[in-house]
């Protein structure tokens, strides 16, 4: 059997996807790559108090650790791969967290315009 090489995963910058944080991502491999992820956890975001409050108010508490899901709980200032749809929802509400463009998968562009993500880029 011949194994086919898979294309390298790309960031929204068109470059190889960089890690977001150890233990994050759909595959918990540290990247925001989303093969098979129905939630499209493609955005590497820097948590803010406003975003943590926003997503918590919608039933997704990101502050509380969930060991059963290998989830450590998050604080403001920490990076995590989040759902593109939730990031967009937060953007529309005026509380989108900063984005790490090098670690945000191009898969996020299915839902969010590149220009919007880049306008929220943390440098």
C-alpha atoms as a PDB file:
ATOM      1  CA  UNK A   1       0.000   0.000   0.000  1.00  0.00           C
ATOM      2  CA  UNK A   2       1.261   3.483  -0.864  1.00  0.00           C
ATOM      3  CA  UNK A   3       0.775   6.193   1.738  1.00  0.00           C
ATOM      4  CA  UNK A   4      -0.202   9.542   0.314  1.00  0.00           C
ATOM      5  CA  UNK A   5       1.452  12.597   1.794  1.00  0.00           C
ATOM      6  CA  UNK A   6      -0.966  15.033   3.331  1.00  0.00           C
ATOM      7  CA  UNK A   7      -0.653  18.710   2.561  1.00  0.00           C
ATOM      8  CA  UNK A   8       0.858  20.748   5.373  1.00  0.00           C
ATOM      9  CA  UNK A   9      -1.710  22.588   7.423  1.00  0.00           C
ATOM     10  CA  UNK A  10      -1.693  26.325   6.791  1.00  0.00           C
ATOM     11  CA  UNK A  11      -2.400  29.402   8.871  1.00  0.00           C
ATOM     12  CA  UNK A  12      -4.563  32.330   7.789  1.00  0.00           C
ATOM     13  CA  UNK A  13      -1.294  33.880   6.591  1.00  0.00           C
ATOM     14  CA  UNK A  14      -0.810  31.025   4.103  1.00  0.00           C
ATOM     15  CA  UNK A  15       2.234  29.771   6.006  1.00  0.00           C
ATOM     16  CA  UNK A  16       2.705  26.474   7.868  1.00  0.00           C
ATOM     17  CA  UNK A  17       0.411  26.379  10.899  1.00  0.00           C
ATOM     18  CA  UNK A  18       2.270  27.112  14.131  1.00  0.00           C
ATOM     19  CA  UNK A  19       1.354  25.684  17.560  1.00  0.00           C
ATOM     20  CA  UNK A  20      -1.123  27.629  19.676  1.00  0.00           C
ATOM     21  CA  UNK A  21      -0.513  26.058  23.081  1.00  0.00           C
ATOM     22  CA  UNK A  22       0.359  22.562  24.317  1.00  0.00           C
ATOM     23  CA  UNK A  23      -2.749  20.465  24.926  1.00  0.00           C
ATOM     24  CA  UNK A  24      -5.148  22.588  22.893  1.00  0.00           C
ATOM     25  CA  UNK A  25      -6.919  21.882  19.619  1.00  0.00           C
ATOM     26  CA  UNK A  26      -9.439  19.323  18.475  1.00  0.00           C
ATOM     27  CA  UNK A  27      -6.702  16.680  18.477  1.00  0.00           C
ATOM     28  CA  UNK A  28      -5.071  18.099  21.659  1.00  0.00           C
ATOM     29  CA  UNK A  29      -1.834  18.279  19.653  1.00  0.00           C
ATOM     30  CA  UNK A  30      -1.282  21.979  20.378  1.00  0.00           C
ATOM     31  CA  UNK A  31      -2.495  23.200  16.992  1.00  0.00           C
ATOM     32  CA  UNK A  32      -5.774  24.636  15.797  1.00  0.00           C
ATOM     33  CA  UNK A  33      -6.007  22.141  12.922  1.00  0.00           C
ATOM     34  CA  UNK A  34      -9.514  20.739  12.633  1.00  0.00           C
ATOM     35  CA  UNK A  35      -9.693  17.514  10.616  1.00  0.00           C
ATOM     36  CA  UNK A  36     -13.075  15.988  11.462  1.00  0.00           C
ATOM     37  CA  UNK A  37     -13.948  18.685  14.001  1.00  0.00           C
ATOM     38  CA  UNK A  38     -17.642  19.634  13.782  1.00  0.00           C
ATOM     39  CA  UNK A  39     -16.980  22.636  16.042  1.00  0.00           C
ATOM     40  CA  UNK A  40     -14.173  24.019  13.852  1.00  0.00           C
ATOM     41  CA  UNK A  41     -11.797  24.892  16.722  1.00  0.00           C
ATOM     42  CA  UNK A  42      -9.608  26.799  14.247  1.00  0.00           C
ATOM     43  CA  UNK A  43      -8.938  30.157  15.938  1.00  0.00           C
ATOM     44  CA  UNK A  44      -5.932  30.529  18.225  1.00  0.00           C
ATOM     45  CA  UNK A  45      -7.158  33.240  20.563  1.00  0.00           C
ATOM     46  CA  UNK A  46      -5.729  35.013  23.580  1.00  0.00           C
ATOM     47  CA  UNK A  47      -8.339  34.852  26.305  1.00  0.00           C
ATOM     48  CA  UNK A  48      -9.696  38.085  27.724  1.00  0.00           C
ATOM     49  CA  UNK A  49     -11.990  38.578  30.703  1.00  0.00           C
ATOM     50  CA  UNK A  50     -14.646  39.964  28.343  1.00  0.00           C
ATOM     51  CA  UNK A  51     -14.516  36.902  26.083  1.00  0.00           C
ATOM     52  CA  UNK A  52     -14.479  34.445  29.009  1.00  0.00           C
ATOM     53  CA  UNK A  53     -17.558  36.194  30.437  1.00  0.00           C
ATOM     54  CA  UNK A  54     -19.239  36.237  27.015  1.00  0.00           C
ATOM     55  CA  UNK A  55     -18.775  32.548  26.265  1.00  0.00           C
ATOM     56  CA  UNK A  56     -19.612  31.564  29.840  1.00  0.00           C
ATOM     57  CA  UNK A  57     -22.920  33.426  29.585  1.00  0.00           C
ATOM     58  CA  UNK A  58     -23.695  31.248  26.547  1.00  0.00           C
ATOM     59  CA  UNK A  59     -23.128  28.004  28.420  1.00  0.00           C
ATOM     60  CA  UNK A  60     -19.471  27.381  27.574  1.00  0.00           C
ATOM     61  CA  UNK A  61     -17.520  27.939  30.787  1.00  0.00           C
ATOM     62  CA  UNK A  62     -13.868  28.052  29.777  1.00  0.00           C
ATOM     63  CA  UNK A  63     -12.623  28.978  33.251  1.00  0.00           C
ATOM     64  CA  UNK A  64     -13.450  25.734  35.046  1.00  0.00           C
ATOM     65  CA  UNK A  65     -11.099  22.765  34.513  1.00  0.00           C
ATOM     66  CA  UNK A  66     -12.692  19.652  32.990  1.00  0.00           C
ATOM     67  CA  UNK A  67     -10.156  16.844  33.566  1.00  0.00           C
ATOM     68  CA  UNK A  68     -12.355  14.270  31.799  1.00  0.00           C
ATOM     69  CA  UNK A  69     -11.804  16.238  28.579  1.00  0.00           C
ATOM     70  CA  UNK A  70      -8.148  17.123  29.253  1.00  0.00           C
ATOM     71  CA  UNK A  71      -9.259  20.736  29.641  1.00  0.00           C
ATOM     72  CA  UNK A  72      -7.205  22.765  32.145  1.00  0.00           C
ATOM     73  CA  UNK A  73      -9.502  25.775  32.526  1.00  0.00           C
ATOM     74  CA  UNK A  74      -8.381  29.133  31.194  1.00  0.00           C
ATOM     75  CA  UNK A  75      -7.506  32.573  32.482  1.00  0.00           C
ATOM     76  CA  UNK A  76      -7.155  35.883  30.693  1.00  0.00           C
ATOM     77  CA  UNK A  77      -3.872  36.043  28.801  1.00  0.00           C
ATOM     78  CA  UNK A  78      -3.755  32.341  27.953  1.00  0.00           C
ATOM     79  CA  UNK A  79      -3.997  30.989  24.401  1.00  0.00           C
ATOM     80  CA  UNK A  80      -6.543  28.377  23.315  1.00  0.00           C
ATOM     81  CA  UNK A  81      -8.046  27.061  20.088  1.00  0.00           C
ATOM     82  CA  UNK A  82     -11.659  28.210  20.020  1.00  0.00           C
ATOM     83  CA  UNK A  83     -14.580  27.612  17.694  1.00  0.00           C
ATOM     84  CA  UNK A  84     -14.655  29.915  14.707  1.00  0.00           C
ATOM     85  CA  UNK A  85     -18.414  30.396  15.136  1.00  0.00           C
ATOM     86  CA  UNK A  86     -18.006  31.519  18.785  1.00  0.00           C
ATOM     87  CA  UNK A  87     -15.190  33.898  17.836  1.00  0.00           C
ATOM     88  CA  UNK A  88     -17.432  35.402  15.119  1.00  0.00           C
ATOM     89  CA  UNK A  89     -20.328  35.679  17.570  1.00  0.00           C
ATOM     90  CA  UNK A  90     -18.049  37.492  20.030  1.00  0.00           C
ATOM     91  CA  UNK A  91     -16.829  39.759  17.229  1.00  0.00           C
ATOM     92  CA  UNK A  92     -20.404  40.753  16.396  1.00  0.00           C
ATOM     93  CA  UNK A  93     -20.988  41.454  20.111  1.00  0.00           C
ATOM     94  CA  UNK A  94     -17.845  43.593  20.338  1.00  0.00           C
ATOM     95  CA  UNK A  95     -15.759  41.298  22.529  1.00  0.00           C
ATOM     96  CA  UNK A  96     -13.719  39.103  20.184  1.00  0.00           C
ATOM     97  CA  UNK A  97     -10.410  38.073  21.716  1.00  0.00           C
ATOM     98  CA  UNK A  98      -7.094  38.787  19.982  1.00  0.00           C
ATOM     99  CA  UNK A  99      -5.966  36.250  17.394  1.00  0.00           C
ATOM    100  CA  UNK A 100      -2.568  34.627  16.917  1.00  0.00           C
ATOM    101  CA  UNK A 101      -2.557  34.624  13.105  1.00  0.00           C
ATOM    102  CA  UNK A 102       0.377  32.222  12.715  1.00  0.00           C
ATOM    103  CA  UNK A 103      -1.478  29.644  14.820  1.00  0.00           C
ATOM    104  CA  UNK A 104      -5.004  30.202  13.447  1.00  0.00           C
ATOM    105  CA  UNK A 105      -5.916  27.593  10.849  1.00  0.00           C
ATOM    106  CA  UNK A 106      -6.988  28.652   7.384  1.00  0.00           C
ATOM    107  CA  UNK A 107     -10.072  26.515   8.105  1.00  0.00           C
ATOM    108  CA  UNK A 108     -11.370  29.504  10.123  1.00  0.00           C
ATOM    109  CA  UNK A 109     -11.779  31.333   6.810  1.00  0.00           C
ATOM    110  CA  UNK A 110     -14.812  29.150   6.130  1.00  0.00           C
ATOM    111  CA  UNK A 111     -16.699  31.371   8.601  1.00  0.00           C
ATOM    112  CA  UNK A 112     -14.627  34.503   9.200  1.00  0.00           C
ATOM    113  CA  UNK A 113     -13.155  36.901   6.633  1.00  0.00           C
ATOM    114  CA  UNK A 114      -9.346  36.990   6.693  1.00  0.00           C
ATOM    115  CA  UNK A 115      -9.355  40.802   6.985  1.00  0.00           C
ATOM    116  CA  UNK A 116     -11.467  40.637  10.150  1.00  0.00           C
ATOM    117  CA  UNK A 117      -9.150  38.090  11.774  1.00  0.00           C
ATOM    118  CA  UNK A 118      -6.053  40.080  10.797  1.00  0.00           C
ATOM    119  CA  UNK A 119      -7.598  43.256  12.237  1.00  0.00           C
ATOM    120  CA  UNK A 120      -7.696  41.402  15.585  1.00  0.00           C
ATOM    121  CA  UNK A 121      -4.169  40.029  15.285  1.00  0.00           C
ATOM    122  CA  UNK A 122      -1.999  40.175  18.364  1.00  0.00           C
ATOM    123  CA  UNK A 123       1.587  40.966  17.494  1.00  0.00           C
END
